[in-house]
Amino acid sequence: MSFKKDEMLIMPAVDIKNGKCVQLIQGKPGSEMVEIENPENVAKHWQDLGAKNLHIIDLDGTINGIASFEVIKKILKEISIPIQLGGGIRSVEYARQLLDLDIERLIIGTMGIQHPETIEELSKEYGSDRIMISLDSKNNKVVIKGWQEKIDKSPIELSNEFKNHGAGSILFTNVDVEGLLGGFYTSPVEELKKSVDLPIVYSGGITTIEDVKKLNESGVEGIVIGSALYKNKIDLTEALKYQKRI
């Protein structure tokens, strides 16, 4: 599903680890606050509640380089709505394998930042709409390799570079607040939105319906909600009312 000016896509997160749907605190292995068997059933649940798009992250691929390819295929069999998928994409060959599964958008982080030519190659082959660059920010610097390594550039500095490399959209995650269920900071989102002419999906710290409303007003094209859904801080049906631009 492509982004629309009058809409903010609301995407439930389905993070995969050890064959389960999990939610980690600050992305740290061993910090699971949620563990649910059969991620494909979780994905179907969010679809049944009205989600138009899902955000799926292969944490096994991110953390230890072992892709959860079979789990991803199970999810795709169970649902009919588009997904954006990321995590552990370390080669153009594997990216092609995933895109050939008819995934709507592929989220590429470390590989794309270290080797921008891979973004150009995939964008030319599959179309820029299907290639999303992931910019994860900690203390206003981009972090890569599962948030373990910092590079000396801000999300704004990198975002404009990647438009030139063919990326069709940006996933912006504020690691400072991710998974803490304490809300999010509006200024980094608003500054990035003003600085780059690409669709932005925001992730990190979304905890209340008021947060969803603020993000709608910020103009971002999509948001990812994880822990707040699983911990019943946000009701998806209520959140979906904010898919239309206020």
C-alpha atoms as a PDB file:
ATOM      1  CA  MET A   1       0.000   0.000   0.000  1.00  0.00           C
ATOM      2  CA  SER A   2       1.543   3.272  -1.094  1.00  0.00           C
ATOM      3  CA  PHE A   3       1.486   6.315   1.140  1.00  0.00           C
ATOM      4  CA  LYS A   4      -1.281   8.882   0.729  1.00  0.00           C
ATOM      5  CA  LYS A   5      -1.195  12.560   1.662  1.00  0.00           C
ATOM      6  CA  ASP A   6      -4.527  12.415   3.492  1.00  0.00           C
ATOM      7  CA  GLU A   7      -3.622   9.321   5.494  1.00  0.00           C
ATOM      8  CA  MET A   8      -1.256   8.154   8.226  1.00  0.00           C
ATOM      9  CA  LEU A   9      -0.832   4.378   8.066  1.00  0.00           C
ATOM     10  CA  ILE A  10      -1.013   2.756  11.497  1.00  0.00           C
ATOM     11  CA  MET A  11       1.053  -0.426  11.550  1.00  0.00           C
ATOM     12  CA  PRO A  12       1.067  -2.952  14.391  1.00  0.00           C
ATOM     13  CA  ALA A  13       4.536  -4.396  14.971  1.00  0.00           C
ATOM     14  CA  VAL A  14       5.172  -8.124  14.808  1.00  0.00           C
ATOM     15  CA  ASP A  15       8.763  -8.754  15.905  1.00  0.00           C
ATOM     16  CA  ILE A  16      10.028 -12.308  15.425  1.00  0.00           C
ATOM     17  CA  LYS A  17      12.546 -14.008  17.719  1.00  0.00           C
ATOM     18  CA  ASN A  18      13.066 -17.733  18.248  1.00  0.00           C
ATOM     19  CA  GLY A  19       9.855 -18.460  16.366  1.00  0.00           C
ATOM     20  CA  LYS A  20       7.783 -16.237  18.653  1.00  0.00           C
ATOM     21  CA  CYS A  21       6.282 -12.765  18.489  1.00  0.00           C
ATOM     22  CA  VAL A  22       8.175 -10.658  21.041  1.00  0.00           C
ATOM     23  CA  GLN A  23       8.582  -7.113  22.270  1.00  0.00           C
ATOM     24  CA  LEU A  24      11.996  -6.150  23.635  1.00  0.00           C
ATOM     25  CA  ILE A  25      12.934  -3.214  25.847  1.00  0.00           C
ATOM     26  CA  GLN A  26      15.341  -0.947  23.926  1.00  0.00           C
ATOM     27  CA  GLY A  27      15.943  -3.797  21.488  1.00  0.00           C
ATOM     28  CA  LYS A  28      18.059  -5.733  24.017  1.00  0.00           C
ATOM     29  CA  PRO A  29      18.071  -9.544  23.759  1.00  0.00           C
ATOM     30  CA  GLY A  30      16.792 -11.086  26.984  1.00  0.00           C
ATOM     31  CA  SER A  31      14.570  -8.109  27.805  1.00  0.00           C
ATOM     32  CA  GLU A  32      11.376  -9.644  26.400  1.00  0.00           C
ATOM     33  CA  MET A  33       8.279  -8.026  27.901  1.00  0.00           C
ATOM     34  CA  VAL A  34       6.027  -9.957  25.515  1.00  0.00           C
ATOM     35  CA  GLU A  35       6.407 -13.498  24.119  1.00  0.00           C
ATOM     36  CA  ILE A  36       3.618 -15.078  22.076  1.00  0.00           C
ATOM     37  CA  GLU A  37       3.708 -18.325  20.141  1.00  0.00           C
ATOM     38  CA  ASN A  38       2.773 -18.462  16.440  1.00  0.00           C
ATOM     39  CA  PRO A  39       3.561 -14.978  15.067  1.00  0.00           C
ATOM     40  CA  GLU A  40       1.384 -15.759  12.050  1.00  0.00           C
ATOM     41  CA  ASN A  41      -1.683 -15.880  14.336  1.00  0.00           C
ATOM     42  CA  VAL A  42      -0.686 -12.558  15.903  1.00  0.00           C
ATOM     43  CA  ALA A  43      -0.421 -10.992  12.457  1.00  0.00           C
ATOM     44  CA  LYS A  44      -3.842 -12.378  11.514  1.00  0.00           C
ATOM     45  CA  HIS A  45      -5.282 -10.949  14.750  1.00  0.00           C
ATOM     46  CA  TRP A  46      -4.154  -7.420  13.875  1.00  0.00           C
ATOM     47  CA  GLN A  47      -5.517  -7.824  10.359  1.00  0.00           C
ATOM     48  CA  ASP A  48      -8.862  -8.986  11.748  1.00  0.00           C
ATOM     49  CA  LEU A  49      -9.002  -5.870  13.940  1.00  0.00           C
ATOM     50  CA  GLY A  50      -8.712  -3.660  10.893  1.00  0.00           C
ATOM     51  CA  ALA A  51      -4.997  -3.022  10.339  1.00  0.00           C
ATOM     52  CA  LYS A  52      -4.284  -2.130   6.698  1.00  0.00           C
ATOM     53  CA  ASN A  53      -0.549  -2.780   6.921  1.00  0.00           C
ATOM     54  CA  LEU A  54       1.856  -4.635   9.236  1.00  0.00           C
ATOM     55  CA  HIS A  55       5.429  -3.929  10.321  1.00  0.00           C
ATOM     56  CA  ILE A  56       7.448  -7.125  10.688  1.00  0.00           C
ATOM     57  CA  ILE A  57      10.994  -7.283  12.038  1.00  0.00           C
ATOM     58  CA  ASP A  58      13.147 -10.402  11.998  1.00  0.00           C
ATOM     59  CA  LEU A  59      15.091  -9.980  15.235  1.00  0.00           C
ATOM     60  CA  ASP A  60      16.884 -13.291  14.739  1.00  0.00           C
ATOM     61  CA  GLY A  61      18.278 -11.922  11.514  1.00  0.00           C
ATOM     62  CA  THR A  62      19.262  -8.669  13.218  1.00  0.00           C
ATOM     63  CA  ILE A  63      20.808 -10.178  16.351  1.00  0.00           C
ATOM     64  CA  ASN A  64      22.523 -13.351  15.149  1.00  0.00           C
ATOM     65  CA  GLY A  65      22.265 -13.290  11.362  1.00  0.00           C
ATOM     66  CA  ILE A  66      20.008 -16.352  11.160  1.00  0.00           C
ATOM     67  CA  ALA A  67      16.959 -15.360   9.138  1.00  0.00           C
ATOM     68  CA  SER A  68      13.444 -16.415  10.186  1.00  0.00           C
ATOM     69  CA  PHE A  69      12.541 -17.025   6.555  1.00  0.00           C
ATOM     70  CA  GLU A  70      10.061 -19.830   7.207  1.00  0.00           C
ATOM     71  CA  VAL A  71       8.224 -17.812   9.859  1.00  0.00           C
ATOM     72  CA  ILE A  72       7.971 -14.878   7.449  1.00  0.00           C
ATOM     73  CA  LYS A  73       6.462 -17.177   4.802  1.00  0.00           C
ATOM     74  CA  LYS A  74       3.921 -18.486   7.350  1.00  0.00           C
ATOM     75  CA  ILE A  75       2.837 -14.933   8.148  1.00  0.00           C
ATOM     76  CA  LEU A  76       2.418 -14.111   4.463  1.00  0.00           C
ATOM     77  CA  LYS A  77       0.207 -17.186   4.025  1.00  0.00           C
ATOM     78  CA  GLU A  78      -2.083 -16.126   6.877  1.00  0.00           C
ATOM     79  CA  ILE A  79      -2.708 -12.500   5.926  1.00  0.00           C
ATOM     80  CA  SER A  80      -3.852 -10.595   2.876  1.00  0.00           C
ATOM     81  CA  ILE A  81      -2.755  -7.068   3.844  1.00  0.00           C
ATOM     82  CA  PRO A  82       0.610  -5.571   2.789  1.00  0.00           C
ATOM     83  CA  ILE A  83       3.640  -5.753   5.066  1.00  0.00           C
ATOM     84  CA  GLN A  84       6.875  -3.857   5.438  1.00  0.00           C
ATOM     85  CA  LEU A  85       9.687  -6.115   6.566  1.00  0.00           C
ATOM     86  CA  GLY A  86      13.172  -5.602   7.948  1.00  0.00           C
ATOM     87  CA  GLY A  87      15.866  -7.204  10.054  1.00  0.00           C
ATOM     88  CA  GLY A  88      19.088  -8.956   9.154  1.00  0.00           C
ATOM     89  CA  ILE A  89      19.130  -8.034   5.465  1.00  0.00           C
ATOM     90  CA  ARG A  90      22.848  -8.311   4.825  1.00  0.00           C
ATOM     91  CA  SER A  91      23.037  -9.030   1.103  1.00  0.00           C
ATOM     92  CA  VAL A  92      21.350  -7.945  -2.101  1.00  0.00           C
ATOM     93  CA  GLU A  93      20.653 -11.613  -2.826  1.00  0.00           C
ATOM     94  CA  TYR A  94      18.639 -12.047   0.382  1.00  0.00           C
ATOM     95  CA  ALA A  95      16.854  -8.740  -0.237  1.00  0.00           C
ATOM     96  CA  ARG A  96      15.793 -10.051  -3.654  1.00  0.00           C
ATOM     97  CA  GLN A  97      14.599 -13.297  -2.075  1.00  0.00           C
ATOM     98  CA  LEU A  98      12.329 -11.338   0.275  1.00  0.00           C
ATOM     99  CA  LEU A  99      11.082  -8.900  -2.363  1.00  0.00           C
ATOM    100  CA  ASP A 100      10.190 -11.850  -4.582  1.00  0.00           C
ATOM    101  CA  LEU A 101       7.824 -13.019  -1.819  1.00  0.00           C
ATOM    102  CA  ASP A 102       5.710  -9.983  -2.751  1.00  0.00           C
ATOM    103  CA  ILE A 103       6.544  -7.958   0.345  1.00  0.00           C
ATOM    104  CA  GLU A 104       5.246  -4.409  -0.040  1.00  0.00           C
ATOM    105  CA  ARG A 105       8.322  -2.624   1.348  1.00  0.00           C
ATOM    106  CA  LEU A 106      11.702  -3.894   2.419  1.00  0.00           C
ATOM    107  CA  ILE A 107      13.358  -2.033   5.301  1.00  0.00           C
ATOM    108  CA  ILE A 108      17.123  -1.867   4.893  1.00  0.00           C
ATOM    109  CA  GLY A 109      19.366  -0.444   7.605  1.00  0.00           C
ATOM    110  CA  THR A 110      23.029  -1.275   8.128  1.00  0.00           C
ATOM    111  CA  MET A 111      23.664  -2.676   4.638  1.00  0.00           C
ATOM    112  CA  GLY A 112      22.173   0.391   2.974  1.00  0.00           C
ATOM    113  CA  ILE A 113      23.987   2.885   5.176  1.00  0.00           C
ATOM    114  CA  GLN A 114      27.352   1.193   4.740  1.00  0.00           C
ATOM    115  CA  HIS A 115      26.816   0.398   1.058  1.00  0.00           C
ATOM    116  CA  PRO A 116      24.402   2.943  -0.474  1.00  0.00           C
ATOM    117  CA  GLU A 117      24.895   1.398  -3.890  1.00  0.00           C
ATOM    118  CA  THR A 118      22.769  -1.565  -2.703  1.00  0.00           C
ATOM    119  CA  ILE A 119      19.807   0.804  -2.266  1.00  0.00           C
ATOM    120  CA  GLU A 120      20.321   2.142  -5.775  1.00  0.00           C
ATOM    121  CA  GLU A 121      20.551  -1.359  -7.218  1.00  0.00           C
ATOM    122  CA  LEU A 122      17.391  -2.642  -5.511  1.00  0.00           C
ATOM    123  CA  SER A 123      15.436   0.533  -6.233  1.00  0.00           C
ATOM    124  CA  LYS A 124      16.224   0.294  -9.932  1.00  0.00           C
ATOM    125  CA  GLU A 125      15.267  -3.373  -9.994  1.00  0.00           C
ATOM    126  CA  TYR A 126      12.094  -3.334  -7.874  1.00  0.00           C
ATOM    127  CA  GLY A 127      11.070   0.339  -7.764  1.00  0.00           C
ATOM    128  CA  SER A 128      11.924   2.874  -5.079  1.00  0.00           C
ATOM    129  CA  ASP A 129       8.467   2.561  -3.497  1.00  0.00           C
ATOM    130  CA  ARG A 130       9.450  -0.897  -2.285  1.00  0.00           C
ATOM    131  CA  ILE A 131      12.752   0.163  -0.701  1.00  0.00           C
ATOM    132  CA  MET A 132      12.709   1.860   2.713  1.00  0.00           C
ATOM    133  CA  ILE A 133      15.877   3.046   4.456  1.00  0.00           C
ATOM    134  CA  SER A 134      15.943   2.582   8.221  1.00  0.00           C
ATOM    135  CA  LEU A 135      17.434   5.461  10.214  1.00  0.00           C
ATOM    136  CA  ASP A 136      17.681   4.562  13.894  1.00  0.00           C
ATOM    137  CA  SER A 137      18.636   7.490  16.101  1.00  0.00           C
ATOM    138  CA  LYS A 138      20.303   7.568  19.505  1.00  0.00           C
ATOM    139  CA  ASN A 139      21.217  10.958  20.962  1.00  0.00           C
ATOM    140  CA  ASN A 140      20.555  12.378  17.472  1.00  0.00           C
ATOM    141  CA  LYS A 141      23.158  10.162  15.811  1.00  0.00           C
ATOM    142  CA  VAL A 142      22.356   7.235  13.544  1.00  0.00           C
ATOM    143  CA  VAL A 143      23.089   3.791  14.996  1.00  0.00           C
ATOM    144  CA  ILE A 144      23.556   0.582  13.024  1.00  0.00           C
ATOM    145  CA  LYS A 145      24.229  -3.148  13.602  1.00  0.00           C
ATOM    146  CA  GLY A 146      21.269  -3.653  15.925  1.00  0.00           C
ATOM    147  CA  TRP A 147      21.852  -0.257  17.568  1.00  0.00           C
ATOM    148  CA  GLN A 148      25.329  -1.339  18.713  1.00  0.00           C
ATOM    149  CA  GLU A 149      27.431   1.014  16.586  1.00  0.00           C
ATOM    150  CA  LYS A 150      27.069   4.771  16.193  1.00  0.00           C
ATOM    151  CA  ILE A 151      28.029   6.739  13.104  1.00  0.00           C
ATOM    152  CA  ASP A 152      28.817  10.431  13.163  1.00  0.00           C
ATOM    153  CA  LYS A 153      25.809  11.643  11.195  1.00  0.00           C
ATOM    154  CA  SER A 154      22.345  12.763  12.221  1.00  0.00           C
ATOM    155  CA  PRO A 155      19.157  11.301  10.713  1.00  0.00           C
ATOM    156  CA  ILE A 156      18.596  14.577   8.842  1.00  0.00           C
ATOM    157  CA  GLU A 157      22.083  14.465   7.309  1.00  0.00           C
ATOM    158  CA  LEU A 158      21.627  10.898   6.106  1.00  0.00           C
ATOM    159  CA  SER A 159      17.999  11.196   5.009  1.00  0.00           C
ATOM    160  CA  ASN A 160      18.701  13.599   2.169  1.00  0.00           C
ATOM    161  CA  GLU A 161      21.580  11.456   0.943  1.00  0.00           C
ATOM    162  CA  PHE A 162      19.321   8.452   0.606  1.00  0.00           C
ATOM    163  CA  LYS A 163      16.759  10.209  -1.507  1.00  0.00           C
ATOM    164  CA  ASN A 164      19.583  10.577  -4.027  1.00  0.00           C
ATOM    165  CA  HIS A 165      20.389   6.878  -3.683  1.00  0.00           C
ATOM    166  CA  GLY A 166      16.837   5.870  -4.631  1.00  0.00           C
ATOM    167  CA  ALA A 167      15.129   5.071  -1.334  1.00  0.00           C
ATOM    168  CA  GLY A 168      11.393   5.620  -1.560  1.00  0.00           C
ATOM    169  CA  SER A 169      10.690   6.154   2.145  1.00  0.00           C
ATOM    170  CA  ILE A 170      12.276   6.353   5.594  1.00  0.00           C
ATOM    171  CA  LEU A 171      11.674   4.392   8.773  1.00  0.00           C
ATOM    172  CA  PHE A 172      12.741   6.693  11.607  1.00  0.00           C
ATOM    173  CA  THR A 173      13.126   5.032  15.002  1.00  0.00           C
ATOM    174  CA  ASN A 174      14.040   7.021  18.078  1.00  0.00           C
ATOM    175  CA  VAL A 175      16.018   4.481  20.097  1.00  0.00           C
ATOM    176  CA  ASP A 176      16.091   6.838  23.111  1.00  0.00           C
ATOM    177  CA  VAL A 177      12.411   6.083  23.817  1.00  0.00           C
ATOM    178  CA  GLU A 178      11.824   2.790  22.000  1.00  0.00           C
ATOM    179  CA  GLY A 179      10.162   0.073  24.093  1.00  0.00           C
ATOM    180  CA  LEU A 180       9.990   2.152  27.284  1.00  0.00           C
ATOM    181  CA  LEU A 181       6.250   2.966  27.116  1.00  0.00           C
ATOM    182  CA  GLY A 182       6.976   6.518  28.197  1.00  0.00           C
ATOM    183  CA  GLY A 183       5.890   8.524  25.171  1.00  0.00           C
ATOM    184  CA  PHE A 184       7.974  10.061  22.405  1.00  0.00           C
ATOM    185  CA  TYR A 185       9.768  13.329  21.644  1.00  0.00           C
ATOM    186  CA  THR A 186       7.976  15.415  19.027  1.00  0.00           C
ATOM    187  CA  SER A 187      10.857  17.665  17.905  1.00  0.00           C
ATOM    188  CA  PRO A 188      13.081  15.000  16.230  1.00  0.00           C
ATOM    189  CA  VAL A 189      10.100  13.790  14.186  1.00  0.00           C
ATOM    190  CA  GLU A 190       8.976  17.273  13.199  1.00  0.00           C
ATOM    191  CA  GLU A 191      12.512  18.382  12.285  1.00  0.00           C
ATOM    192  CA  LEU A 192      13.067  15.338  10.084  1.00  0.00           C
ATOM    193  CA  LYS A 193       9.679  15.799   8.417  1.00  0.00           C
ATOM    194  CA  LYS A 194      10.523  19.416   7.557  1.00  0.00           C
ATOM    195  CA  SER A 195      13.962  18.515   6.235  1.00  0.00           C
ATOM    196  CA  VAL A 196      13.308  15.700   3.788  1.00  0.00           C
ATOM    197  CA  ASP A 197      10.864  15.231   0.959  1.00  0.00           C
ATOM    198  CA  LEU A 198      10.273  11.499   1.441  1.00  0.00           C
ATOM    199  CA  PRO A 199       7.466   9.632   3.217  1.00  0.00           C
ATOM    200  CA  ILE A 200       8.394   8.995   6.855  1.00  0.00           C
ATOM    201  CA  VAL A 201       7.189   6.183   9.083  1.00  0.00           C
ATOM    202  CA  TYR A 202       7.887   6.843  12.760  1.00  0.00           C
ATOM    203  CA  SER A 203       8.593   4.253  15.448  1.00  0.00           C
ATOM    204  CA  GLY A 204       9.556   4.527  19.112  1.00  0.00           C
ATOM    205  CA  GLY A 205       7.794   5.267  22.383  1.00  0.00           C
ATOM    206  CA  ILE A 206       4.228   5.539  21.084  1.00  0.00           C
ATOM    207  CA  THR A 207       2.263   4.852  24.265  1.00  0.00           C
ATOM    208  CA  THR A 208      -1.110   6.614  24.249  1.00  0.00           C
ATOM    209  CA  ILE A 209      -3.851   7.663  21.856  1.00  0.00           C
ATOM    210  CA  GLU A 210      -2.670  11.237  22.432  1.00  0.00           C
ATOM    211  CA  ASP A 211       0.715  10.201  20.986  1.00  0.00           C
ATOM    212  CA  VAL A 212      -1.071   8.840  17.910  1.00  0.00           C
ATOM    213  CA  LYS A 213      -2.961  12.114  17.530  1.00  0.00           C
ATOM    214  CA  LYS A 214       0.241  14.192  17.823  1.00  0.00           C
ATOM    215  CA  LEU A 215       1.935  12.108  15.156  1.00  0.00           C
ATOM    216  CA  ASN A 216      -1.044  12.497  12.868  1.00  0.00           C
ATOM    217  CA  GLU A 217      -0.692  16.267  13.256  1.00  0.00           C
ATOM    218  CA  SER A 218       3.073  16.072  12.567  1.00  0.00           C
ATOM    219  CA  GLY A 219       2.415  14.971   8.993  1.00  0.00           C
ATOM    220  CA  VAL A 220       4.273  11.640   9.055  1.00  0.00           C
ATOM    221  CA  GLU A 221       2.946   9.121   6.554  1.00  0.00           C
ATOM    222  CA  GLY A 222       2.912   6.183   8.959  1.00  0.00           C
ATOM    223  CA  ILE A 223       3.577   5.011  12.502  1.00  0.00           C
ATOM    224  CA  VAL A 224       4.549   1.693  14.055  1.00  0.00           C
ATOM    225  CA  ILE A 225       2.953   0.705  17.353  1.00  0.00           C
ATOM    226  CA  GLY A 226       4.421  -2.213  19.282  1.00  0.00           C
ATOM    227  CA  SER A 227       4.537  -2.593  23.041  1.00  0.00           C
ATOM    228  CA  ALA A 228       1.592  -0.263  23.672  1.00  0.00           C
ATOM    229  CA  LEU A 229      -0.695  -2.610  21.731  1.00  0.00           C
ATOM    230  CA  TYR A 230       0.576  -5.743  23.432  1.00  0.00           C
ATOM    231  CA  LYS A 231       0.354  -4.139  26.886  1.00  0.00           C
ATOM    232  CA  ASN A 232      -3.156  -2.763  26.204  1.00  0.00           C
ATOM    233  CA  LYS A 233      -2.065   0.857  26.521  1.00  0.00           C
ATOM    234  CA  ILE A 234      -3.541   1.551  23.083  1.00  0.00           C
ATOM    235  CA  ASP A 235      -6.617  -0.052  21.546  1.00  0.00           C
ATOM    236  CA  LEU A 236      -5.968  -0.627  17.842  1.00  0.00           C
ATOM    237  CA  THR A 237      -9.572   0.029  16.843  1.00  0.00           C
ATOM    238  CA  GLU A 238      -9.424   3.435  18.515  1.00  0.00           C
ATOM    239  CA  ALA A 239      -6.000   4.210  17.044  1.00  0.00           C
ATOM    240  CA  LEU A 240      -7.216   3.413  13.528  1.00  0.00           C
ATOM    241  CA  LYS A 241      -9.595   6.380  13.755  1.00  0.00           C
ATOM    242  CA  TYR A 242      -6.469   8.526  13.308  1.00  0.00           C
ATOM    243  CA  GLN A 243      -5.496   6.941  10.005  1.00  0.00           C
ATOM    244  CA  LYS A 244      -7.232   9.760   8.201  1.00  0.00           C
ATOM    245  CA  ARG A 245      -5.319  13.017   8.445  1.00  0.00           C
ATOM    246  CA  ILE A 246      -6.808  15.328  11.084  1.00  0.00           C
END
